[in-house]
Structures are given as C-alpha cells and as structure tokens.
C-alpha cells in the first residue's frame, strides 16, 4: 500500500471543527432560501435529521433537492437560513471544516491517482502518518469490497467499482455526516439493485448520518428511514417510506411515488369512524384513518380523490370476499415483468381506465382483449384532497 504515501505534500487542511458525541451528526436546516437571479431554487426549507438517520430527498428535476444538499455540504451559499451540523452553526464554514463525506453523481475521482491514492486523499489532507493512511485505506477497501484494486487507475475499473471507490473515499476519515448526490444514476439496473443493498448495509454498519438525493422512487423507498418529497424548491411531505406509499398525503404524492389509480369522488356523509364517498363505482365506506384531509375539510359535498394502488386490484379473485367490489373489465394491455404482471383495464360501461398488478405471471389466457373479473379492495383505499 505504499502508493498511498506519495500524495502531494503541498495540500493540507485543518482538522474538522464539527464536534458531537456518538457516530452520526444531527443536522438542522432552518428556513433555507436560495435564489439564482430571478429563480427561487429553495423556498423556506426546514428539516431536522436525527443522528444516524438515513434521509432521502426525492423529487423531479428542478425540485431543489441537489441545491439543498450542496448548501449542507458548503458548496453553495444560501440566500438566507442556517445549517447546523452536530450542534455547530456550519452555515459559513467551508466544506473541509464540516466533517462531511460526499459522493458526487459522477464520483469525481482523480484520474491520475490510483484507487488507493484516491481513497487516501482525505487522510493525507488531514496530515495523518503514512502508515496510518495505508492501514485505513486497506480497511475501508475491504469494507466496500474492492480489496486488491489499490494500484489500478479509475479508468481501469468498472463503473460499480468506481462507485465503491467514491464511497470509500467519503467514509475513510470517519465523517459524522455522509452526503450522496444521485450516486447510483450512472449504473445499469442490475448494478443499481446490488449497490442499493451495499449502501444500506454500510449505513447499518457505520451508523453515520446519511442525506441522499435521488429522483428514483425505488431507491428512496428501499434505503430511507424517512423520505423528503420536494417540489418547486419546497417540502411537500416528510414521512416514512411505507406511509408515503400506503397513506399518501396529497394527490401529487400518490401519483409521484409509485403507480396509483386516482378516482374522483365526493364526500356524501362524514361519520365518526368512516366517511362515505360517492364515486364512479358507487358509494364507498372508507375508514377515517385512511382519510388524508384536515378535520375541517371533511364535510358533505367536498370533492376528493380516492387513491387505490395497482396491487389492491385483484385479477380473477377466487371467490367473493368482504370489502371487494367486483367489476367486469376488458384487458387492454398486459406487461409481464417476471415477478409480477401489469394489467391495463377498462371496466365495462364506465369511462375510466385502471391499472392492476398481479404477483405471478399468467399463462396467456388473460391477454390483451380478454375479459376478466376484477376485484377492487375498497378497504385499502385512501382519500386525499382533489387539489394539491
């Protein structure tokens, strides 16, 4: 590992200033605004991230998620607001004094350095002795599964290996906060799935606080303790992955996170435990626990949207079951995906399209143009406001 000792002596930085007990740092983002000329990229963003938590910023392009991450990293200066890391106001601190590791979308590896030199760079900047650098680099290479690649250049390894090098460089100095900006977007699908497991495992083993930026819903849902859904520079909602999917708070979230059947309706009656919604399929009794409206909005004649996930539609159910409404549908399209099959449906006599998802493949009997009985699980429906 002698190749990590010869990194340039002319560069050095002071030891990081952020100090906090434990492994991960608590992060507090307060009333953050960021303007670029006439464009407001971040609009009154406030969030507390617990020590050791894995939080993802999820949003479409232009939602402001990467801008917030760059402000936390010290790579962008906010127009106003504060970033507090580990109890220290880091808003004015340069990046090297924030005790953060960061993985960029393009990995930002030094092409002229070997893998070991890339990983050891942050340690050399902290003026650690050569032997300690070599030991730490070797240890972290084992941790991320790239042992034996230390003497190669980035151009001599695969994209997945480059991603592991970038991760290793970001964690080799034991930061309390790890920032990841679309780290898997350059990888192919199979490698992305593999690296999701690697990132999750690393978080569990290290206990570091992670803030992760992605536009990929599956990444955010699979990896995160909480997901921050962003739109137009502000927070739409913050919740656990399961609640965001099962109990979306708005029409936008229901359509953005996963697939959803969105059915227009109107509240007919509001009882103490349930509400009755009149929709194209008739009158549905829905538990109040699945109604995502403010209490003062729950009143007769209120226009709402019923959210029903594709897996809550049963293709050819074996028998009549409670809380299931049976429809006769024409199958307009079938998409086989291995572990499940997706059906595009047209209920007979109704002007609406539905999407269903079966857990198993089918033998071709239920192909495009066929007729099938479809069961709607009304008891799994969620009610949101008709407007965002």
Protein backbone atom coordinates (compact mmCIF):
# COMPACT_ATOMS: atom_id res chain seq x y z
CA UNK A 1 0.00 0.00 0.00
CA UNK A 2 3.00 2.30 -0.39
CA UNK A 3 1.18 4.01 -3.24
CA UNK A 4 -0.93 6.00 -0.78
CA UNK A 5 2.07 7.73 0.81
CA UNK A 6 3.11 9.94 -2.08
CA UNK A 7 0.03 12.16 -2.37
CA UNK A 8 1.16 15.80 -2.79
CA UNK A 9 2.58 17.39 0.38
CA UNK A 10 1.60 20.91 -0.66
CA UNK A 11 -2.10 20.49 0.19
CA UNK A 12 -3.39 20.37 3.75
CA UNK A 13 -6.38 21.45 5.81
CA UNK A 14 -7.09 21.89 9.50
CA UNK A 15 -8.89 19.19 11.45
CA UNK A 16 -12.70 19.48 11.07
CA UNK A 17 -14.48 21.77 13.51
CA UNK A 18 -17.76 19.87 13.91
CA UNK A 19 -17.85 18.06 17.24
CA UNK A 20 -20.63 15.85 18.61
CA UNK A 21 -20.82 12.73 20.70
CA UNK A 22 -21.79 9.44 19.05
CA UNK A 23 -21.24 8.34 15.48
CA UNK A 24 -23.67 10.31 13.33
CA UNK A 25 -24.27 14.05 13.50
CA UNK A 26 -27.65 15.62 14.00
CA UNK A 27 -28.43 18.07 11.19
CA UNK A 28 -30.80 21.01 11.49
CA UNK A 29 -31.73 23.02 8.40
CA UNK A 30 -33.60 26.20 9.29
CA UNK A 31 -35.66 28.42 6.95
CA UNK A 32 -33.40 27.87 3.96
CA UNK A 33 -33.83 30.02 0.86
CA UNK A 34 -31.70 30.04 -2.28
CA UNK A 35 -32.22 32.36 -5.23
CA UNK A 36 -30.43 32.19 -8.58
CA UNK A 37 -31.12 35.55 -10.26
CA UNK A 38 -34.91 35.56 -10.69
CA UNK A 39 -35.36 31.88 -9.88
CA UNK A 40 -36.07 30.67 -6.32
CA UNK A 41 -34.47 27.23 -6.20
CA UNK A 42 -35.09 26.59 -2.49
CA UNK A 43 -38.14 28.01 -0.77
CA UNK A 44 -38.31 28.08 3.03
CA UNK A 45 -36.84 24.59 3.54
CA UNK A 46 -36.65 23.43 7.18
CA UNK A 47 -35.77 19.92 8.35
CA UNK A 48 -34.28 18.12 11.34
CA UNK A 49 -32.27 14.97 10.58
CA UNK A 50 -31.60 12.75 13.60
CA UNK A 51 -28.15 11.42 14.40
CA UNK A 52 -27.58 8.17 12.49
CA UNK A 53 -30.70 8.60 10.35
CA UNK A 54 -30.90 7.86 6.62
CA UNK A 55 -32.95 10.61 4.94
CA UNK A 56 -33.57 10.88 1.20
CA UNK A 57 -34.51 13.98 -0.76
CA UNK A 58 -36.82 12.79 -3.54
CA UNK A 59 -38.10 14.96 -6.35
CA UNK A 60 -38.21 15.56 -10.06
CA UNK A 61 -35.52 17.52 -11.88
CA UNK A 62 -35.58 21.15 -10.75
CA UNK A 63 -37.21 20.40 -7.39
CA UNK A 64 -34.25 21.88 -5.47
CA UNK A 65 -33.03 18.67 -3.83
CA UNK A 66 -29.41 18.86 -5.05
CA UNK A 67 -29.24 22.58 -4.23
CA UNK A 68 -30.17 21.86 -0.61
CA UNK A 69 -27.54 19.12 -0.47
CA UNK A 70 -24.87 21.44 -1.87
CA UNK A 71 -25.77 24.07 0.72
CA UNK A 72 -25.43 21.49 3.50
CA UNK A 73 -22.06 20.50 2.02
CA UNK A 74 -20.87 24.12 1.87
CA UNK A 75 -20.62 24.11 -1.93
CA UNK A 76 -23.40 26.70 -2.27
CA UNK A 77 -24.10 29.67 -0.02
CA UNK A 78 -27.75 30.12 0.95
CA UNK A 79 -29.55 33.37 0.27
CA UNK A 80 -30.79 33.07 3.85
CA UNK A 81 -31.22 30.42 6.52
CA UNK A 82 -28.93 28.25 8.60
CA UNK A 83 -27.35 24.81 8.52
CA UNK A 84 -26.44 23.36 11.92
CA UNK A 85 -24.35 20.18 12.00
CA UNK A 86 -23.66 18.44 15.28
CA UNK A 87 -24.76 21.48 17.28
CA UNK A 88 -22.41 23.84 15.40
CA UNK A 89 -23.67 26.53 13.02
CA UNK A 90 -21.91 25.47 9.81
CA UNK A 91 -23.61 27.98 7.51
CA UNK A 92 -20.41 29.97 6.98
CA UNK A 93 -17.93 27.12 7.39
CA UNK A 94 -16.03 25.94 4.31
CA UNK A 95 -16.70 22.34 3.23
CA UNK A 96 -13.44 20.97 4.65
CA UNK A 97 -14.38 22.09 8.17
CA UNK A 98 -17.82 20.44 8.26
CA UNK A 99 -16.71 16.82 8.89
CA UNK A 100 -18.73 15.52 5.94
CA UNK A 101 -18.09 12.88 3.32
CA UNK A 102 -19.67 13.38 -0.09
CA UNK A 103 -20.24 11.15 -3.11
CA UNK A 104 -20.99 13.04 -6.32
CA UNK A 105 -23.10 11.82 -9.20
CA UNK A 106 -20.02 11.46 -11.43
CA UNK A 107 -17.87 10.19 -8.49
CA UNK A 108 -15.23 12.96 -9.11
CA UNK A 109 -12.28 10.56 -8.83
CA UNK A 110 -8.79 11.86 -9.64
CA UNK A 111 -7.90 10.14 -12.93
CA UNK A 112 -4.13 10.44 -12.41
CA UNK A 113 -4.24 8.77 -8.97
CA UNK A 114 -4.55 5.10 -8.18
CA UNK A 115 -7.56 3.72 -6.35
CA UNK A 116 -5.61 3.68 -3.08
CA UNK A 117 -4.39 7.24 -3.60
CA UNK A 118 -7.94 8.43 -4.31
CA UNK A 119 -9.23 6.82 -1.13
CA UNK A 120 -6.33 8.05 0.96
CA UNK A 121 -6.55 11.65 -0.27
CA UNK A 122 -8.79 12.95 2.59
CA UNK A 123 -6.44 11.36 5.15
CA UNK A 124 -3.38 12.94 3.55
CA UNK A 125 -5.11 16.31 3.65
CA UNK A 126 -5.56 15.76 7.38
CA UNK A 127 -1.81 15.14 7.74
CA UNK A 128 -2.11 11.58 9.03
CA UNK A 129 1.09 9.47 9.07
CA UNK A 130 1.68 7.32 6.00
CA UNK A 131 1.35 4.01 7.86
CA UNK A 132 -1.97 5.05 9.37
CA UNK A 133 -3.22 6.12 5.94
CA UNK A 134 -2.22 2.78 4.43
CA UNK A 135 -3.96 0.83 7.21
CA UNK A 136 -7.17 2.87 6.97
CA UNK A 137 -7.26 2.64 3.19
CA UNK A 138 -6.79 -1.11 3.26
CA UNK A 139 -9.52 -1.48 5.90
CA UNK A 140 -12.09 0.61 4.04
CA UNK A 141 -11.33 -1.15 0.74
CA UNK A 142 -12.22 -4.43 2.43
CA UNK A 143 -15.37 -2.83 3.85
CA UNK A 144 -16.68 -1.82 0.41
CA UNK A 145 -15.44 -4.94 -1.38
CA UNK A 146 -12.65 -3.58 -3.60
CA UNK A 147 -9.60 -5.13 -1.96
CA UNK A 148 -6.85 -5.87 -4.44
CA UNK A 149 -7.64 -2.89 -6.69
CA UNK A 150 -5.42 -0.35 -4.93
CA UNK A 151 -2.82 0.03 -7.67
CA UNK A 152 -5.29 0.49 -10.54
CA UNK A 153 -6.38 3.83 -12.01
CA UNK A 154 -10.10 4.75 -12.15
CA UNK A 155 -10.10 4.16 -15.93
CA UNK A 156 -9.03 0.55 -15.31
CA UNK A 157 -12.01 -0.44 -13.16
CA UNK A 158 -15.76 -0.80 -13.79
CA UNK A 159 -18.47 1.74 -13.02
CA UNK A 160 -19.60 -0.22 -9.98
CA UNK A 161 -16.04 -0.37 -8.68
CA UNK A 162 -15.62 3.36 -9.23
CA UNK A 163 -18.76 3.91 -7.19
CA UNK A 164 -17.27 1.84 -4.36
CA UNK A 165 -14.03 3.87 -4.56
CA UNK A 166 -16.03 7.09 -4.22
CA UNK A 167 -17.89 5.65 -1.22
CA UNK A 168 -14.63 4.50 0.35
CA UNK A 169 -13.05 7.93 -0.07
CA UNK A 170 -16.11 9.57 1.51
CA UNK A 171 -16.06 7.37 4.65
CA UNK A 172 -12.33 6.68 5.16
CA UNK A 173 -11.93 9.57 7.64
CA UNK A 174 -15.00 8.55 9.70
CA UNK A 175 -17.24 11.55 8.96
CA UNK A 176 -20.32 12.12 11.06
CA UNK A 177 -22.37 13.09 8.01
CA UNK A 178 -22.39 11.44 4.58
CA UNK A 179 -23.98 13.23 1.62
CA UNK A 180 -24.79 11.27 -1.57
CA UNK A 181 -25.94 13.08 -4.72
CA UNK A 182 -27.59 10.65 -7.19
CA UNK A 183 -24.74 8.15 -6.59
CA UNK A 184 -26.33 5.24 -8.48
CA UNK A 185 -27.73 7.06 -11.51
CA UNK A 186 -24.79 6.18 -13.79
CA UNK A 187 -25.06 2.43 -13.13
CA UNK A 188 -27.11 -0.13 -15.05
CA UNK A 189 -30.24 -1.57 -13.47
CA UNK A 190 -28.76 -4.78 -12.07
CA UNK A 191 -25.78 -2.96 -10.60
CA UNK A 192 -28.06 -0.30 -9.10
CA UNK A 193 -30.03 -3.01 -7.30
CA UNK A 194 -26.80 -4.53 -5.96
CA UNK A 195 -25.42 -1.17 -4.83
CA UNK A 196 -28.66 -0.30 -3.02
CA UNK A 197 -28.00 -3.26 -0.75
CA UNK A 198 -24.37 -2.18 -0.33
CA UNK A 199 -25.33 1.36 0.68
CA UNK A 200 -27.98 0.12 3.12
CA UNK A 201 -25.52 -2.34 4.66
CA UNK A 202 -22.85 0.36 5.01
CA UNK A 203 -25.28 2.65 6.81
CA UNK A 204 -26.24 -0.09 9.24
CA UNK A 205 -22.61 -0.96 9.98
CA UNK A 206 -21.25 2.58 10.24
CA UNK A 207 -24.12 4.37 11.98
CA UNK A 208 -23.27 7.59 10.11
CA UNK A 209 -26.00 10.13 9.31
CA UNK A 210 -26.81 9.97 5.59
CA UNK A 211 -28.58 12.52 3.41
CA UNK A 212 -29.25 11.03 -0.01
CA UNK A 213 -30.51 12.82 -3.12
CA UNK A 214 -32.37 10.86 -5.80
CA UNK A 215 -35.11 11.13 -8.40
CA UNK A 216 -35.58 7.33 -8.24
CA UNK A 217 -38.57 6.41 -6.09
CA UNK A 218 -37.42 2.81 -5.59
CA UNK A 219 -34.08 3.98 -4.17
CA UNK A 220 -35.72 6.38 -1.75
CA UNK A 221 -38.30 3.84 -0.57
CA UNK A 222 -35.79 0.99 -0.21
CA UNK A 223 -33.00 2.86 1.58
CA UNK A 224 -34.51 5.55 3.76
CA UNK A 225 -35.73 5.89 7.30
CA UNK A 226 -37.61 8.97 6.09
CA UNK A 227 -38.21 10.47 2.66
CA UNK A 228 -38.46 14.21 1.99
CA UNK A 229 -40.63 14.76 -1.10
CA UNK A 230 -39.69 18.04 -2.79
CA UNK A 231 -41.41 20.12 -5.45
CA UNK A 232 -40.59 23.62 -6.71
CA UNK A 233 -37.97 24.14 -4.03
CA UNK A 234 -40.08 23.32 -1.00
CA UNK A 235 -41.09 20.29 1.02
CA UNK A 236 -44.33 18.60 0.03
CA UNK A 237 -44.19 15.97 2.78
CA UNK A 238 -41.79 14.12 5.07
CA UNK A 239 -42.65 10.62 6.20
CA UNK A 240 -41.54 7.01 6.34
CA UNK A 241 -41.38 5.16 3.00
CA UNK A 242 -44.26 2.89 3.97
CA UNK A 243 -46.60 5.73 4.97
CA UNK A 244 -45.76 7.75 1.86
CA UNK A 245 -46.73 4.80 -0.29
CA UNK A 246 -49.64 3.38 1.72
CA UNK A 247 -51.09 6.67 3.02
CA UNK A 248 -50.06 9.45 0.62
CA UNK A 249 -50.99 12.87 1.95
CA UNK A 250 -51.73 14.54 -1.39
CA UNK A 251 -52.78 13.74 -4.92
CA UNK A 252 -49.31 14.72 -6.13
CA UNK A 253 -47.54 12.28 -3.79
CA UNK A 254 -49.95 9.49 -4.71
CA UNK A 255 -49.10 9.92 -8.38
CA UNK A 256 -45.40 10.63 -7.95
CA UNK A 257 -44.47 7.77 -5.60
CA UNK A 258 -45.29 4.51 -7.31
CA UNK A 259 -48.31 3.94 -9.51
CA UNK A 260 -51.82 4.79 -8.41
CA UNK A 261 -55.40 4.64 -9.63
CA UNK A 262 -56.84 8.11 -8.96
CA UNK A 263 -60.64 8.08 -8.79
CA UNK A 264 -62.60 11.32 -8.47
CA UNK A 265 -65.28 11.36 -5.80
CA UNK A 266 -67.40 13.48 -3.48
CA UNK A 267 -67.97 13.10 0.24
CA UNK A 268 -71.61 12.21 0.81
CA UNK A 269 -71.54 11.65 4.55
CA UNK A 270 -68.99 12.03 7.33
CA UNK A 271 -69.47 9.69 10.28
CA UNK A 272 -67.42 9.31 13.46
CA UNK A 273 -65.41 6.35 12.18
CA UNK A 274 -65.89 6.33 8.40
CA UNK A 275 -66.78 8.63 5.55
CA UNK A 276 -68.95 7.77 2.57
CA UNK A 277 -67.51 8.78 -0.80
CA UNK A 278 -69.67 8.72 -3.91
CA UNK A 279 -67.56 7.82 -6.96
CA UNK A 280 -67.93 6.22 -10.39
CA UNK A 281 -68.08 2.77 -8.73
CA UNK A 282 -70.83 3.72 -6.28
CA UNK A 283 -70.67 4.62 -2.60
CA UNK A 284 -67.58 3.52 -0.68
CA UNK A 285 -67.25 3.47 3.10
CA UNK A 286 -63.67 4.43 3.96
CA UNK A 287 -62.16 4.48 7.48
CA UNK A 288 -61.20 7.91 8.77
CA UNK A 289 -57.70 6.55 9.43
CA UNK A 290 -57.30 6.45 5.63
CA UNK A 291 -58.61 9.94 5.02
CA UNK A 292 -55.75 12.41 4.49
CA UNK A 293 -57.74 15.61 4.90
CA UNK A 294 -57.72 18.22 7.63
CA UNK A 295 -60.66 17.67 10.01
CA UNK A 296 -62.31 20.94 8.91
CA UNK A 297 -62.25 19.73 5.29
CA UNK A 298 -64.24 16.56 5.97
CA UNK A 299 -67.75 17.63 5.11
CA UNK A 300 -70.53 16.71 2.71
CA UNK A 301 -70.06 17.76 -0.93
CA UNK A 302 -66.30 18.09 -0.56
CA UNK A 303 -64.59 16.95 -3.79
CA UNK A 304 -61.87 14.35 -3.14
CA UNK A 305 -59.75 11.76 -4.89
CA UNK A 306 -59.69 8.07 -3.97
CA UNK A 307 -56.21 6.52 -4.25
CA UNK A 308 -56.06 2.79 -4.97
CA UNK A 309 -52.69 1.18 -5.62
CA UNK A 310 -52.49 -1.34 -8.53
CA UNK A 311 -51.83 -4.27 -6.20
CA UNK A 312 -55.18 -3.62 -4.49
CA UNK A 313 -56.96 -4.70 -7.67
CA UNK A 314 -57.36 -8.49 -7.82
CA UNK A 315 -57.45 -10.20 -11.20
CA UNK A 316 -59.91 -13.11 -11.24
CA UNK A 317 -60.28 -13.42 -7.45
CA UNK A 318 -61.04 -16.98 -6.33
CA UNK A 319 -64.31 -16.08 -4.61
CA UNK A 320 -66.33 -13.19 -3.26
CA UNK A 321 -64.50 -11.54 -0.36
CA UNK A 322 -65.57 -8.82 2.10
CA UNK A 323 -64.92 -5.20 1.06
CA UNK A 324 -64.23 -6.18 -2.54
CA UNK A 325 -66.26 -4.75 -5.41
CA UNK A 326 -66.30 -6.97 -8.48
CA UNK A 327 -66.16 -5.48 -11.98
CA UNK A 328 -66.11 -6.99 -15.42
CA UNK A 329 -63.19 -5.47 -17.31
CA UNK A 330 -61.64 -5.67 -20.75
CA UNK A 331 -57.88 -6.09 -20.64
CA UNK A 332 -56.36 -3.50 -22.97
CA UNK A 333 -52.71 -4.37 -22.32
CA UNK A 334 -50.59 -6.90 -20.42
CA UNK A 335 -46.99 -6.20 -19.39
CA UNK A 336 -45.09 -9.17 -17.98
CA UNK A 337 -42.24 -8.24 -15.61
CA UNK A 338 -41.14 -11.59 -14.21
CA UNK A 339 -42.21 -11.37 -10.57
CA UNK A 340 -45.47 -9.61 -11.44
CA UNK A 341 -47.72 -8.81 -14.37
CA UNK A 342 -49.23 -5.40 -15.01
CA UNK A 343 -52.72 -5.13 -16.50
CA UNK A 344 -54.28 -2.07 -18.11
CA UNK A 345 -58.05 -2.37 -17.73
CA UNK A 346 -61.27 -0.82 -19.00
CA UNK A 347 -64.30 -1.52 -16.79
CA UNK A 348 -67.29 -2.30 -18.99
CA UNK A 349 -69.82 0.51 -19.19
CA UNK A 350 -67.61 3.02 -17.37
CA UNK A 351 -65.41 5.78 -18.76
CA UNK A 352 -62.29 5.13 -16.70
CA UNK A 353 -59.04 3.20 -17.01
CA UNK A 354 -57.49 1.18 -14.22
CA UNK A 355 -54.10 -0.40 -13.59
CA UNK A 356 -53.71 -3.70 -11.74
CA UNK A 357 -50.64 -5.66 -10.71
CA UNK A 358 -50.60 -9.41 -10.15
CA UNK A 359 -47.88 -11.09 -8.14
CA UNK A 360 -47.45 -14.02 -10.55
CA UNK A 361 -47.09 -14.41 -14.28
CA UNK A 362 -50.05 -15.69 -16.31
CA UNK A 363 -50.30 -18.36 -18.95
CA UNK A 364 -51.51 -16.08 -21.73
CA UNK A 365 -55.23 -16.76 -21.14
CA UNK A 366 -55.60 -13.20 -19.82
CA UNK A 367 -54.10 -11.40 -22.79
CA UNK A 368 -54.98 -8.12 -24.44
CA UNK A 369 -58.64 -8.11 -25.50
CA UNK A 370 -59.72 -10.73 -22.97
CA UNK A 371 -62.42 -10.19 -20.38
CA UNK A 372 -61.66 -10.66 -16.68
CA UNK A 373 -63.34 -10.25 -13.33
CA UNK A 374 -61.51 -7.65 -11.26
CA UNK A 375 -61.95 -7.07 -7.54
CA UNK A 376 -61.42 -3.57 -6.12
CA UNK A 377 -60.30 -3.59 -2.49
CA UNK A 378 -62.24 -0.59 -1.24
CA UNK A 379 -60.99 -1.17 2.31
CA UNK A 380 -57.44 -0.32 1.14
CA UNK A 381 -58.42 2.99 -0.49
CA UNK A 382 -57.03 6.33 0.71
CA UNK A 383 -58.83 9.65 0.35
CA UNK A 384 -56.92 12.86 -0.45
CA UNK A 385 -57.92 16.36 -1.45
CA UNK A 386 -58.85 16.77 -5.10
CA UNK A 387 -56.34 19.63 -5.35
CA UNK A 388 -52.72 19.73 -4.21
